[in-house]
Amino acid sequence: MDGLAAQREIEGAGLALDGSAEGEPTDVASQDPEAGTMVDDGSEVSLELVPPAVIDHEIEIEDENIYVWVESTMSSRDAWLITRDLAMNEDLDEGGYFVQFNCTEGGTAGAWNRQANGKIAIGNRGAALTGLNDGAFQSELLDGATCP
């Protein structure tokens, strides 16, 4: 479970969270007391949070096109995390980047098996090209798209 969802469940159950899951995305590695343990209302719960696991992928950058190759079906969280990491890449020049998330297998000579699209705006030029604010990024899964 991701850290923010765990925080909402803990607080929604009338318990207190030791710390916060706000900020960078996280996954829950462990919890004390363990899930399902009977405790009094207001009891404190501690979470061990770790960086989220991201689907295995390879990246290819050609001008302002970024191709992300994956071997399995992605979640919207996978696409968001990869796009966020790309947007934070200090090696990208100012510009509008268009991200294509494709399967390594299953496409044809004329079309790749695309799962998602994304875009990243770096600088004023990037904002003008993508319609996003400078520094912003977005990703969106294509309905029903899967990798074989």
Protein backbone atom coordinates (compact mmCIF):
# COMPACT_ATOMS: atom_id res chain seq x y z
CA MET A 1 0.00 0.00 0.00
CA ASP A 2 1.24 3.50 -0.62
CA GLY A 3 2.08 5.66 2.38
CA LEU A 4 -0.59 8.29 1.87
CA ALA A 5 -3.37 5.68 1.55
CA ALA A 6 -2.11 4.01 4.72
CA GLN A 7 -2.11 7.35 6.54
CA ARG A 8 -5.72 7.98 5.51
CA GLU A 9 -6.82 4.51 6.68
CA ILE A 10 -5.02 4.85 10.02
CA GLU A 11 -6.47 8.30 10.73
CA GLY A 12 -9.89 7.21 9.44
CA ALA A 13 -9.87 4.37 11.98
CA GLY A 14 -9.38 6.86 14.83
CA LEU A 15 -5.71 6.05 15.32
CA ALA A 16 -2.71 8.39 15.45
CA LEU A 17 0.12 8.18 12.93
CA ASP A 18 3.68 8.55 14.20
CA GLY A 19 5.00 10.94 11.53
CA SER A 20 3.53 11.74 8.15
CA ALA A 21 3.34 10.15 4.70
CA GLU A 22 2.98 13.55 3.01
CA GLY A 23 5.52 14.65 0.42
CA GLU A 24 7.39 12.27 -1.86
CA PRO A 25 5.51 9.10 -2.87
CA THR A 26 6.24 6.14 -0.60
CA ASP A 27 5.24 2.53 -0.04
CA VAL A 28 4.71 0.94 3.35
CA ALA A 29 7.44 -1.61 4.16
CA SER A 30 6.16 -2.41 7.67
CA GLN A 31 3.72 -1.24 10.31
CA ASP A 32 3.72 -1.38 14.11
CA PRO A 33 1.40 -2.63 15.43
CA GLU A 34 0.72 -4.95 12.48
CA ALA A 35 -2.48 -4.55 10.47
CA GLY A 36 -5.42 -6.34 12.10
CA THR A 37 -4.07 -5.96 15.66
CA MET A 38 -6.74 -4.84 18.13
CA VAL A 39 -5.81 -1.49 19.73
CA ASP A 40 -7.58 1.27 21.65
CA ASP A 41 -8.92 4.35 19.86
CA GLY A 42 -6.21 6.98 19.56
CA SER A 43 -3.36 4.43 19.70
CA GLU A 44 -0.26 5.37 17.78
CA VAL A 45 0.76 3.51 14.63
CA SER A 46 4.28 3.68 13.18
CA LEU A 47 4.97 3.09 9.50
CA GLU A 48 8.29 2.27 7.85
CA LEU A 49 8.11 4.07 4.52
CA VAL A 50 10.34 3.31 1.53
CA PRO A 51 10.60 4.78 -1.97
CA PRO A 52 8.02 3.18 -4.27
CA ALA A 53 8.96 0.33 -6.54
CA VAL A 54 8.81 1.33 -10.19
CA ILE A 55 8.18 -1.05 -13.06
CA ASP A 56 11.35 -2.09 -14.91
CA HIS A 57 11.87 0.20 -17.88
CA GLU A 58 14.36 1.54 -20.39
CA ILE A 59 14.47 5.11 -21.65
CA GLU A 60 15.45 6.44 -25.06
CA ILE A 61 15.58 10.20 -25.71
CA GLU A 62 15.46 11.55 -29.26
CA ASP A 63 15.25 15.34 -29.38
CA GLU A 64 12.01 16.18 -27.56
CA ASN A 65 10.56 12.67 -27.79
CA ILE A 66 11.13 10.31 -24.88
CA TYR A 67 10.42 6.63 -25.37
CA VAL A 68 9.91 4.48 -22.30
CA TRP A 69 10.03 0.73 -22.97
CA VAL A 70 8.37 -1.68 -20.53
CA GLU A 71 7.86 -5.45 -20.58
CA SER A 72 4.65 -5.64 -18.57
CA THR A 73 1.39 -3.78 -18.07
CA MET A 74 1.81 -0.46 -16.26
CA SER A 75 -0.29 1.23 -13.62
CA SER A 76 -1.06 4.95 -13.68
CA ARG A 77 1.27 5.24 -10.67
CA ASP A 78 4.12 3.66 -12.70
CA ALA A 79 3.59 6.18 -15.50
CA TRP A 80 3.41 9.08 -13.03
CA LEU A 81 6.57 8.06 -11.16
CA ILE A 82 8.60 7.57 -14.35
CA THR A 83 7.37 10.87 -15.82
CA ARG A 84 8.16 12.67 -12.54
CA ASP A 85 11.67 11.24 -12.51
CA LEU A 86 12.17 12.31 -16.13
CA ALA A 87 10.91 15.83 -15.34
CA MET A 88 13.51 16.07 -12.56
CA ASN A 89 16.34 15.02 -14.91
CA GLU A 90 18.77 17.93 -14.92
CA ASP A 91 20.24 16.75 -18.24
CA LEU A 92 17.11 17.68 -20.19
CA ASP A 93 17.39 21.00 -22.00
CA GLU A 94 14.63 23.59 -22.02
CA GLY A 95 11.77 22.33 -24.15
CA GLY A 96 8.52 20.45 -24.38
CA TYR A 97 9.01 16.70 -24.08
CA PHE A 98 6.49 14.13 -25.23
CA VAL A 99 6.70 10.76 -23.53
CA GLN A 100 5.52 7.51 -25.09
CA PHE A 101 5.22 4.41 -22.89
CA ASN A 102 5.52 1.38 -25.16
CA CYS A 103 5.74 -2.38 -24.71
CA THR A 104 9.01 -3.99 -25.74
CA GLU A 105 6.99 -6.74 -27.43
CA GLY A 106 3.62 -7.00 -29.14
CA GLY A 107 3.78 -4.11 -31.58
CA THR A 108 3.94 -4.29 -35.35
CA ALA A 109 6.28 -2.75 -37.90
CA GLY A 110 3.82 0.15 -38.27
CA ALA A 111 2.75 0.68 -34.67
CA TRP A 112 4.15 0.08 -31.19
CA ASN A 113 1.96 -1.28 -28.47
CA ARG A 114 1.55 1.98 -26.54
CA GLN A 115 0.24 1.97 -22.96
CA ALA A 116 0.42 5.64 -22.00
CA ASN A 117 1.40 9.14 -23.06
CA GLY A 118 2.99 11.90 -21.07
CA LYS A 119 4.46 15.35 -21.43
CA ILE A 120 6.97 17.49 -19.60
CA ALA A 121 7.44 21.28 -19.74
CA ILE A 122 10.90 22.64 -19.02
CA GLY A 123 11.16 26.42 -19.28
CA ASN A 124 8.94 28.88 -21.15
CA ARG A 125 9.47 27.07 -24.45
CA GLY A 126 8.37 23.79 -22.88
CA ALA A 127 5.30 25.46 -21.41
CA ALA A 128 4.36 26.90 -24.81
CA LEU A 129 4.82 23.55 -26.58
CA THR A 130 2.98 21.36 -24.08
CA GLY A 131 0.34 23.69 -22.64
CA LEU A 132 1.66 22.91 -19.14
CA ASN A 133 3.25 25.32 -16.69
CA ASP A 134 7.05 25.48 -16.56
CA GLY A 135 8.26 22.47 -14.57
CA ALA A 136 4.95 20.62 -14.79
CA PHE A 137 4.43 17.12 -16.13
CA GLN A 138 1.55 14.74 -16.69
CA SER A 139 0.94 11.16 -17.81
CA GLU A 140 -2.16 9.28 -18.82
CA LEU A 141 -2.79 5.59 -19.42
CA LEU A 142 -4.57 4.60 -22.62
CA ASP A 143 -7.83 2.75 -21.94
CA GLY A 144 -7.45 -1.01 -22.18
CA ALA A 145 -3.78 -0.95 -23.21
CA THR A 146 -1.68 -3.84 -21.92
CA CYS A 147 1.59 -5.54 -22.70
CA PRO A 148 1.39 -9.09 -23.93
